[in-house]
N, C-alpha and C. Protein backbone atom coordinates (compact mmCIF):
# COMPACT_ATOMS: atom_id res chain seq x y z
N MET A 1 3.54 -5.05 -6.44
CA MET A 1 3.01 -5.04 -7.78
C MET A 1 2.92 -6.48 -8.27
N SER A 2 2.13 -7.29 -7.62
CA SER A 2 2.08 -8.70 -7.93
C SER A 2 1.40 -9.02 -9.25
N ASP A 3 0.58 -8.14 -9.76
CA ASP A 3 -0.14 -8.43 -11.00
C ASP A 3 0.60 -7.94 -12.24
N LYS A 4 1.88 -7.58 -12.10
CA LYS A 4 2.75 -7.21 -13.22
C LYS A 4 2.35 -5.94 -13.96
N ARG A 5 1.58 -5.09 -13.33
CA ARG A 5 1.27 -3.80 -13.95
C ARG A 5 2.54 -2.95 -13.91
N LYS A 6 2.74 -2.18 -14.94
CA LYS A 6 3.92 -1.32 -15.02
C LYS A 6 3.71 -0.10 -14.13
N ARG A 7 4.72 0.21 -13.33
CA ARG A 7 4.67 1.38 -12.46
C ARG A 7 5.50 2.50 -13.07
N LEU A 8 4.87 3.65 -13.24
CA LEU A 8 5.53 4.81 -13.82
C LEU A 8 5.56 5.95 -12.81
N VAL A 9 6.72 6.56 -12.64
CA VAL A 9 6.85 7.77 -11.83
C VAL A 9 7.07 8.91 -12.82
N ILE A 10 6.14 9.86 -12.82
CA ILE A 10 6.15 10.94 -13.80
C ILE A 10 6.34 12.26 -13.06
N LYS A 11 7.36 13.02 -13.45
CA LYS A 11 7.64 14.29 -12.78
C LYS A 11 7.16 15.45 -13.63
N PHE A 12 6.37 16.32 -13.01
CA PHE A 12 5.94 17.56 -13.65
C PHE A 12 6.66 18.70 -12.94
N GLY A 13 7.51 19.41 -13.66
CA GLY A 13 8.27 20.51 -13.09
C GLY A 13 7.51 21.82 -13.15
N THR A 14 7.96 22.76 -12.36
CA THR A 14 7.33 24.08 -12.31
C THR A 14 7.28 24.73 -13.68
N GLY A 15 8.35 24.58 -14.45
CA GLY A 15 8.41 25.20 -15.77
C GLY A 15 7.33 24.76 -16.72
N ILE A 16 6.88 23.51 -16.58
CA ILE A 16 5.84 23.00 -17.47
C ILE A 16 4.43 23.29 -16.93
N LEU A 17 4.34 23.57 -15.63
CA LEU A 17 3.04 23.77 -14.99
C LEU A 17 2.63 25.23 -14.88
N THR A 18 3.56 26.12 -15.19
CA THR A 18 3.26 27.55 -15.06
C THR A 18 3.56 28.28 -16.37
N GLU A 19 2.88 29.40 -16.54
CA GLU A 19 3.13 30.26 -17.69
C GLU A 19 3.76 31.54 -17.16
N SER A 20 5.06 31.64 -17.33
CA SER A 20 5.79 32.77 -16.74
C SER A 20 5.37 34.11 -17.33
N ALA A 21 5.02 34.13 -18.61
CA ALA A 21 4.64 35.39 -19.26
C ALA A 21 3.41 36.01 -18.60
N SER A 22 2.44 35.17 -18.25
CA SER A 22 1.21 35.69 -17.65
C SER A 22 1.16 35.47 -16.14
N ASN A 23 2.23 34.85 -15.58
CA ASN A 23 2.29 34.58 -14.15
C ASN A 23 1.06 33.82 -13.66
N THR A 24 0.70 32.76 -14.39
CA THR A 24 -0.46 31.92 -14.04
C THR A 24 -0.10 30.45 -14.16
N LEU A 25 -0.96 29.61 -13.61
CA LEU A 25 -0.81 28.18 -13.82
C LEU A 25 -1.21 27.87 -15.26
N ALA A 26 -0.51 26.95 -15.88
CA ALA A 26 -0.76 26.57 -17.28
C ALA A 26 -1.88 25.54 -17.31
N THR A 27 -3.11 26.01 -17.19
CA THR A 27 -4.27 25.13 -17.06
C THR A 27 -4.40 24.18 -18.25
N ALA A 28 -4.19 24.68 -19.46
CA ALA A 28 -4.29 23.81 -20.64
C ALA A 28 -3.23 22.71 -20.59
N GLN A 29 -2.07 23.04 -20.09
CA GLN A 29 -1.01 22.04 -19.94
C GLN A 29 -1.40 21.00 -18.89
N PHE A 30 -1.97 21.45 -17.77
CA PHE A 30 -2.47 20.53 -16.75
C PHE A 30 -3.49 19.58 -17.36
N GLU A 31 -4.41 20.13 -18.15
CA GLU A 31 -5.45 19.30 -18.77
C GLU A 31 -4.83 18.23 -19.66
N ARG A 32 -3.86 18.61 -20.46
CA ARG A 32 -3.20 17.65 -21.36
C ARG A 32 -2.44 16.59 -20.57
N LEU A 33 -1.70 17.01 -19.57
CA LEU A 33 -0.90 16.07 -18.79
C LEU A 33 -1.77 15.10 -18.01
N THR A 34 -2.84 15.60 -17.40
CA THR A 34 -3.71 14.70 -16.64
C THR A 34 -4.44 13.74 -17.57
N ALA A 35 -4.81 14.19 -18.76
CA ALA A 35 -5.45 13.29 -19.73
C ALA A 35 -4.48 12.18 -20.15
N GLU A 36 -3.21 12.52 -20.33
CA GLU A 36 -2.22 11.51 -20.71
C GLU A 36 -1.99 10.51 -19.58
N VAL A 37 -1.91 10.99 -18.35
CA VAL A 37 -1.75 10.08 -17.21
C VAL A 37 -3.00 9.20 -17.09
N ALA A 38 -4.17 9.79 -17.26
CA ALA A 38 -5.42 9.02 -17.19
C ALA A 38 -5.43 7.90 -18.22
N GLU A 39 -4.94 8.17 -19.41
CA GLU A 39 -4.87 7.12 -20.43
C GLU A 39 -3.92 6.00 -19.99
N LEU A 40 -2.80 6.38 -19.42
CA LEU A 40 -1.85 5.38 -18.94
C LEU A 40 -2.47 4.48 -17.87
N VAL A 41 -3.32 5.05 -17.03
CA VAL A 41 -3.96 4.29 -15.96
C VAL A 41 -5.18 3.54 -16.48
N ASN A 42 -6.11 4.26 -17.08
CA ASN A 42 -7.40 3.68 -17.46
C ASN A 42 -7.34 2.76 -18.68
N VAL A 43 -6.54 3.11 -19.66
CA VAL A 43 -6.51 2.34 -20.91
C VAL A 43 -5.38 1.32 -20.90
N ARG A 44 -4.22 1.74 -20.47
CA ARG A 44 -3.05 0.84 -20.52
C ARG A 44 -2.84 0.04 -19.25
N GLY A 45 -3.57 0.39 -18.19
CA GLY A 45 -3.49 -0.38 -16.95
C GLY A 45 -2.24 -0.17 -16.13
N ASN A 46 -1.54 0.93 -16.35
CA ASN A 46 -0.32 1.21 -15.58
C ASN A 46 -0.65 1.81 -14.22
N GLU A 47 0.30 1.67 -13.31
CA GLU A 47 0.25 2.40 -12.05
C GLU A 47 1.04 3.69 -12.28
N CYS A 48 0.45 4.82 -12.01
CA CYS A 48 1.13 6.10 -12.22
C CYS A 48 1.22 6.88 -10.92
N ILE A 49 2.41 7.37 -10.65
CA ILE A 49 2.68 8.24 -9.52
C ILE A 49 3.18 9.55 -10.11
N VAL A 50 2.56 10.65 -9.73
CA VAL A 50 2.99 11.95 -10.22
C VAL A 50 3.79 12.65 -9.13
N VAL A 51 5.01 13.07 -9.47
CA VAL A 51 5.79 13.93 -8.59
C VAL A 51 5.66 15.32 -9.17
N SER A 52 5.00 16.18 -8.41
CA SER A 52 4.64 17.50 -8.92
C SER A 52 5.36 18.62 -8.19
N SER A 53 6.01 19.44 -8.95
CA SER A 53 6.54 20.70 -8.43
C SER A 53 5.45 21.75 -8.60
N GLY A 54 5.77 22.98 -8.33
CA GLY A 54 4.86 24.06 -8.64
C GLY A 54 4.14 24.71 -7.48
N ALA A 55 4.28 24.16 -6.26
CA ALA A 55 3.55 24.75 -5.14
C ALA A 55 4.02 26.17 -4.84
N VAL A 56 5.31 26.38 -4.83
CA VAL A 56 5.83 27.73 -4.54
C VAL A 56 5.39 28.68 -5.65
N GLY A 57 5.54 28.27 -6.90
CA GLY A 57 5.12 29.11 -8.03
C GLY A 57 3.65 29.44 -7.99
N ALA A 58 2.81 28.45 -7.67
CA ALA A 58 1.37 28.70 -7.57
C ALA A 58 1.08 29.67 -6.44
N GLY A 59 1.78 29.51 -5.32
CA GLY A 59 1.59 30.42 -4.20
C GLY A 59 1.99 31.85 -4.54
N LEU A 60 3.09 32.00 -5.26
CA LEU A 60 3.51 33.34 -5.70
C LEU A 60 2.41 33.99 -6.51
N MET A 61 1.83 33.23 -7.43
CA MET A 61 0.78 33.76 -8.29
C MET A 61 -0.47 34.13 -7.49
N LEU A 62 -0.88 33.22 -6.60
CA LEU A 62 -2.09 33.47 -5.82
C LEU A 62 -1.92 34.66 -4.88
N LEU A 63 -0.72 34.84 -4.37
CA LEU A 63 -0.46 35.95 -3.45
C LEU A 63 -0.09 37.24 -4.18
N GLY A 64 0.03 37.17 -5.49
CA GLY A 64 0.35 38.35 -6.28
C GLY A 64 1.77 38.86 -6.09
N LEU A 65 2.68 37.96 -5.75
CA LEU A 65 4.07 38.38 -5.55
C LEU A 65 4.80 38.39 -6.89
N PRO A 66 5.52 39.45 -7.18
CA PRO A 66 6.18 39.57 -8.48
C PRO A 66 7.41 38.67 -8.65
N GLU A 67 8.02 38.27 -7.53
CA GLU A 67 9.21 37.42 -7.61
C GLU A 67 9.31 36.54 -6.38
N ARG A 68 10.10 35.49 -6.50
CA ARG A 68 10.29 34.54 -5.41
C ARG A 68 10.97 35.24 -4.23
N PRO A 69 10.41 35.10 -3.03
CA PRO A 69 11.04 35.71 -1.85
C PRO A 69 12.40 35.09 -1.58
N LYS A 70 13.20 35.78 -0.81
CA LYS A 70 14.54 35.30 -0.47
C LYS A 70 14.54 34.50 0.84
N ASP A 71 13.66 34.86 1.76
CA ASP A 71 13.68 34.22 3.07
C ASP A 71 12.86 32.93 3.07
N LEU A 72 13.34 31.95 3.84
CA LEU A 72 12.76 30.61 3.86
C LEU A 72 11.30 30.61 4.29
N SER A 73 10.94 31.39 5.32
CA SER A 73 9.55 31.35 5.81
C SER A 73 8.57 31.88 4.77
N SER A 74 8.97 32.86 3.99
CA SER A 74 8.08 33.37 2.93
C SER A 74 7.94 32.35 1.80
N ILE A 75 9.03 31.67 1.47
CA ILE A 75 8.97 30.62 0.45
C ILE A 75 8.05 29.50 0.93
N GLN A 76 8.20 29.13 2.20
CA GLN A 76 7.36 28.07 2.77
C GLN A 76 5.89 28.49 2.80
N ALA A 77 5.63 29.75 3.09
CA ALA A 77 4.25 30.24 3.08
C ALA A 77 3.67 30.18 1.67
N CYS A 78 4.45 30.55 0.68
CA CYS A 78 4.00 30.45 -0.72
C CYS A 78 3.67 29.00 -1.06
N ALA A 79 4.52 28.08 -0.62
CA ALA A 79 4.28 26.66 -0.88
C ALA A 79 2.99 26.19 -0.23
N ALA A 80 2.74 26.63 1.00
CA ALA A 80 1.53 26.22 1.71
C ALA A 80 0.27 26.71 0.98
N VAL A 81 0.31 27.94 0.49
CA VAL A 81 -0.84 28.49 -0.25
C VAL A 81 -0.98 27.79 -1.60
N GLY A 82 0.13 27.61 -2.29
CA GLY A 82 0.09 27.05 -3.64
C GLY A 82 -0.24 25.57 -3.70
N GLN A 83 0.16 24.80 -2.70
CA GLN A 83 -0.06 23.35 -2.73
C GLN A 83 -1.55 23.01 -2.80
N SER A 84 -2.36 23.73 -2.06
CA SER A 84 -3.80 23.44 -2.09
C SER A 84 -4.40 23.76 -3.45
N ARG A 85 -3.92 24.80 -4.10
CA ARG A 85 -4.41 25.13 -5.45
C ARG A 85 -4.02 24.04 -6.45
N LEU A 86 -2.78 23.57 -6.35
CA LEU A 86 -2.34 22.48 -7.23
C LEU A 86 -3.22 21.25 -7.05
N MET A 87 -3.48 20.89 -5.81
CA MET A 87 -4.28 19.68 -5.56
C MET A 87 -5.71 19.86 -6.04
N LEU A 88 -6.27 21.05 -5.88
CA LEU A 88 -7.62 21.32 -6.38
C LEU A 88 -7.66 21.12 -7.90
N LEU A 89 -6.66 21.63 -8.57
CA LEU A 89 -6.60 21.49 -10.03
C LEU A 89 -6.44 20.03 -10.43
N TYR A 90 -5.52 19.32 -9.78
CA TYR A 90 -5.35 17.89 -10.07
C TYR A 90 -6.64 17.12 -9.80
N GLU A 91 -7.28 17.39 -8.66
CA GLU A 91 -8.51 16.68 -8.31
C GLU A 91 -9.59 16.91 -9.36
N THR A 92 -9.79 18.15 -9.75
CA THR A 92 -10.81 18.50 -10.74
C THR A 92 -10.54 17.83 -12.09
N LEU A 93 -9.30 17.89 -12.54
CA LEU A 93 -8.97 17.37 -13.87
C LEU A 93 -8.95 15.84 -13.91
N PHE A 94 -8.44 15.20 -12.88
CA PHE A 94 -8.45 13.73 -12.88
C PHE A 94 -9.86 13.18 -12.71
N ALA A 95 -10.73 13.91 -12.01
CA ALA A 95 -12.12 13.46 -11.84
C ALA A 95 -12.83 13.34 -13.19
N ARG A 96 -12.45 14.15 -14.16
CA ARG A 96 -13.02 14.04 -15.50
C ARG A 96 -12.76 12.67 -16.13
N HIS A 97 -11.76 11.98 -15.60
CA HIS A 97 -11.37 10.67 -16.12
C HIS A 97 -11.67 9.56 -15.10
N GLN A 98 -12.58 9.85 -14.17
CA GLN A 98 -12.98 8.91 -13.13
C GLN A 98 -11.80 8.44 -12.27
N LEU A 99 -10.88 9.33 -12.02
CA LEU A 99 -9.75 9.03 -11.16
C LEU A 99 -9.75 9.97 -9.96
N ARG A 100 -9.29 9.45 -8.83
CA ARG A 100 -9.14 10.24 -7.62
C ARG A 100 -7.66 10.57 -7.46
N VAL A 101 -7.37 11.55 -6.64
CA VAL A 101 -5.98 11.87 -6.34
C VAL A 101 -5.75 11.73 -4.84
N ALA A 102 -4.50 11.48 -4.49
CA ALA A 102 -4.08 11.43 -3.09
C ALA A 102 -2.81 12.25 -2.98
N GLN A 103 -2.73 13.06 -1.96
CA GLN A 103 -1.57 13.93 -1.75
C GLN A 103 -0.62 13.29 -0.75
N LEU A 104 0.64 13.17 -1.13
CA LEU A 104 1.69 12.75 -0.21
C LEU A 104 2.76 13.83 -0.22
N LEU A 105 2.96 14.47 0.90
CA LEU A 105 4.00 15.50 1.04
C LEU A 105 5.12 14.89 1.87
N LEU A 106 6.31 14.83 1.29
CA LEU A 106 7.43 14.15 1.93
C LEU A 106 8.59 15.10 2.17
N THR A 107 9.38 14.78 3.17
CA THR A 107 10.63 15.47 3.42
C THR A 107 11.76 14.44 3.35
N HIS A 108 12.98 14.93 3.30
CA HIS A 108 14.14 14.05 3.29
C HIS A 108 14.12 13.13 4.51
N GLN A 109 13.73 13.68 5.66
CA GLN A 109 13.68 12.88 6.88
C GLN A 109 12.68 11.73 6.77
N ASP A 110 11.60 11.93 6.03
CA ASP A 110 10.62 10.86 5.85
C ASP A 110 11.23 9.66 5.16
N LEU A 111 12.15 9.89 4.25
CA LEU A 111 12.75 8.80 3.50
C LEU A 111 14.05 8.32 4.13
N ASP A 112 14.59 9.08 5.08
CA ASP A 112 15.79 8.67 5.81
C ASP A 112 15.46 7.78 7.00
N SER A 113 14.33 8.01 7.61
CA SER A 113 13.91 7.22 8.76
C SER A 113 13.29 5.91 8.28
N ARG A 114 13.79 4.79 8.78
CA ARG A 114 13.28 3.48 8.35
C ARG A 114 11.78 3.35 8.57
N THR A 115 11.30 3.76 9.72
CA THR A 115 9.87 3.66 10.03
C THR A 115 9.05 4.55 9.12
N ARG A 116 9.46 5.79 8.97
CA ARG A 116 8.70 6.71 8.11
C ARG A 116 8.78 6.31 6.65
N TYR A 117 9.92 5.79 6.22
CA TYR A 117 10.07 5.29 4.85
C TYR A 117 9.07 4.16 4.59
N ARG A 118 9.02 3.20 5.53
CA ARG A 118 8.08 2.08 5.38
C ARG A 118 6.64 2.56 5.39
N ASN A 119 6.33 3.52 6.23
CA ASN A 119 4.96 4.05 6.26
C ASN A 119 4.61 4.72 4.94
N ALA A 120 5.52 5.50 4.40
CA ALA A 120 5.28 6.15 3.10
C ALA A 120 5.11 5.09 2.01
N ARG A 121 5.99 4.10 1.99
CA ARG A 121 5.91 3.03 0.99
C ARG A 121 4.60 2.26 1.10
N ASN A 122 4.22 1.89 2.32
CA ASN A 122 2.98 1.13 2.52
C ASN A 122 1.76 1.94 2.11
N THR A 123 1.76 3.22 2.43
CA THR A 123 0.65 4.08 2.01
C THR A 123 0.57 4.16 0.50
N LEU A 124 1.70 4.35 -0.14
CA LEU A 124 1.75 4.43 -1.59
C LEU A 124 1.27 3.12 -2.23
N GLU A 125 1.74 2.00 -1.71
CA GLU A 125 1.31 0.69 -2.24
C GLU A 125 -0.20 0.53 -2.11
N GLN A 126 -0.75 0.92 -0.96
CA GLN A 126 -2.19 0.78 -0.78
C GLN A 126 -2.96 1.68 -1.73
N LEU A 127 -2.51 2.89 -1.91
CA LEU A 127 -3.17 3.80 -2.85
C LEU A 127 -3.18 3.21 -4.26
N LEU A 128 -2.08 2.62 -4.67
CA LEU A 128 -2.00 2.04 -6.01
C LEU A 128 -2.88 0.81 -6.16
N ARG A 129 -3.11 0.08 -5.07
CA ARG A 129 -4.01 -1.08 -5.12
C ARG A 129 -5.44 -0.67 -5.46
N PHE A 130 -5.82 0.54 -5.12
CA PHE A 130 -7.18 1.00 -5.42
C PHE A 130 -7.41 1.14 -6.92
N ARG A 131 -6.35 1.29 -7.69
CA ARG A 131 -6.38 1.37 -9.16
C ARG A 131 -7.09 2.60 -9.72
N SER A 132 -7.84 3.29 -8.92
CA SER A 132 -8.51 4.50 -9.42
C SER A 132 -7.94 5.75 -8.75
N VAL A 133 -6.78 5.61 -8.14
CA VAL A 133 -6.15 6.72 -7.42
C VAL A 133 -4.78 7.01 -8.04
N VAL A 134 -4.54 8.28 -8.29
CA VAL A 134 -3.23 8.73 -8.75
C VAL A 134 -2.57 9.48 -7.59
N PRO A 135 -1.53 8.90 -6.99
CA PRO A 135 -0.83 9.62 -5.94
C PRO A 135 -0.07 10.82 -6.53
N ILE A 136 -0.23 11.97 -5.88
CA ILE A 136 0.48 13.19 -6.27
C ILE A 136 1.47 13.47 -5.13
N ILE A 137 2.75 13.43 -5.44
CA ILE A 137 3.78 13.58 -4.41
C ILE A 137 4.54 14.88 -4.66
N ASN A 138 4.81 15.57 -3.57
CA ASN A 138 5.62 16.78 -3.63
C ASN A 138 6.45 16.83 -2.36
N GLU A 139 7.54 17.57 -2.42
CA GLU A 139 8.28 17.82 -1.20
C GLU A 139 7.40 18.67 -0.30
N ASN A 140 7.46 18.42 0.99
CA ASN A 140 6.68 19.20 1.94
C ASN A 140 7.41 20.51 2.20
N ASP A 141 7.34 21.39 1.20
CA ASP A 141 8.09 22.65 1.23
C ASP A 141 7.74 23.53 2.42
N SER A 142 6.54 23.40 2.96
CA SER A 142 6.15 24.31 4.04
C SER A 142 6.83 23.97 5.36
N VAL A 143 7.47 22.80 5.46
CA VAL A 143 8.19 22.46 6.69
C VAL A 143 9.63 22.05 6.44
N ALA A 144 10.02 21.84 5.20
CA ALA A 144 11.38 21.38 4.90
C ALA A 144 12.40 22.45 5.30
N VAL A 145 13.48 22.02 5.89
CA VAL A 145 14.56 22.93 6.28
C VAL A 145 15.47 23.11 5.07
N GLU A 146 15.90 24.32 4.83
CA GLU A 146 16.61 24.67 3.60
C GLU A 146 17.73 23.69 3.23
N GLU A 147 18.58 23.34 4.17
CA GLU A 147 19.71 22.50 3.80
C GLU A 147 19.32 21.04 3.59
N LEU A 148 18.09 20.68 3.93
CA LEU A 148 17.64 19.30 3.74
C LEU A 148 16.65 19.16 2.60
N ARG A 149 16.39 20.22 1.87
CA ARG A 149 15.39 20.21 0.81
C ARG A 149 15.86 19.36 -0.37
N PHE A 150 14.91 18.66 -1.01
CA PHE A 150 15.22 17.86 -2.19
C PHE A 150 15.63 18.75 -3.35
N GLY A 151 15.23 19.99 -3.37
CA GLY A 151 15.57 20.88 -4.49
C GLY A 151 14.43 20.96 -5.48
N ASP A 152 14.68 20.57 -6.70
CA ASP A 152 13.65 20.72 -7.74
C ASP A 152 12.83 19.45 -7.95
N ASN A 153 12.82 18.56 -7.01
CA ASN A 153 12.06 17.32 -7.03
C ASN A 153 12.69 16.24 -7.90
N ASP A 154 13.85 16.48 -8.51
CA ASP A 154 14.51 15.42 -9.26
C ASP A 154 14.94 14.29 -8.31
N ARG A 155 15.55 14.67 -7.21
CA ARG A 155 15.97 13.65 -6.24
C ARG A 155 14.76 12.97 -5.63
N LEU A 156 13.72 13.75 -5.33
CA LEU A 156 12.50 13.16 -4.78
C LEU A 156 11.92 12.14 -5.75
N SER A 157 11.90 12.45 -7.03
CA SER A 157 11.39 11.51 -8.04
C SER A 157 12.18 10.21 -8.01
N ALA A 158 13.50 10.32 -7.92
CA ALA A 158 14.34 9.13 -7.86
C ALA A 158 14.07 8.32 -6.60
N GLU A 159 13.91 9.00 -5.48
CA GLU A 159 13.61 8.31 -4.22
C GLU A 159 12.25 7.60 -4.29
N VAL A 160 11.27 8.25 -4.88
CA VAL A 160 9.93 7.66 -5.00
C VAL A 160 9.98 6.43 -5.91
N ALA A 161 10.79 6.48 -6.94
CA ALA A 161 10.88 5.36 -7.88
C ALA A 161 11.36 4.09 -7.21
N ILE A 162 12.13 4.22 -6.13
CA ILE A 162 12.62 3.02 -5.45
C ILE A 162 11.89 2.74 -4.15
N LEU A 163 10.86 3.48 -3.84
CA LEU A 163 10.07 3.23 -2.63
C LEU A 163 9.50 1.83 -2.65
């Protein structure tokens, strides 16, 4: 960040991205949040990284499941289905503000391995140099092993902040 632009890591949790009463994605909330991030980037000149939860929740909704499954493979399948919907929504909404999105799916092992950590950091730095790209980061829930999962992305957000 040689040009002294402020770097912000912003976490969007599942609770803010979904409407539990109607079991849908909170599209109006997505619109508001992406507009606010766009202002931070386009008007204020900040670098913004979004750490987004919600893939499992979106997958549950798309698959019509009434509740979160108990077994890991079903949760991972929900995440795989839901992640693409999240990215489609982010891509559509950020495009309204002339911004592109980039998806980075990380696991604990990615940040534990020196080589993979550097690769993730270098990719993130390059994306931010483009100035018109908002990196969207999530845990790679579809392959993460249960005992190594970041959890609710709080830890992932902290790890990304120091990348």
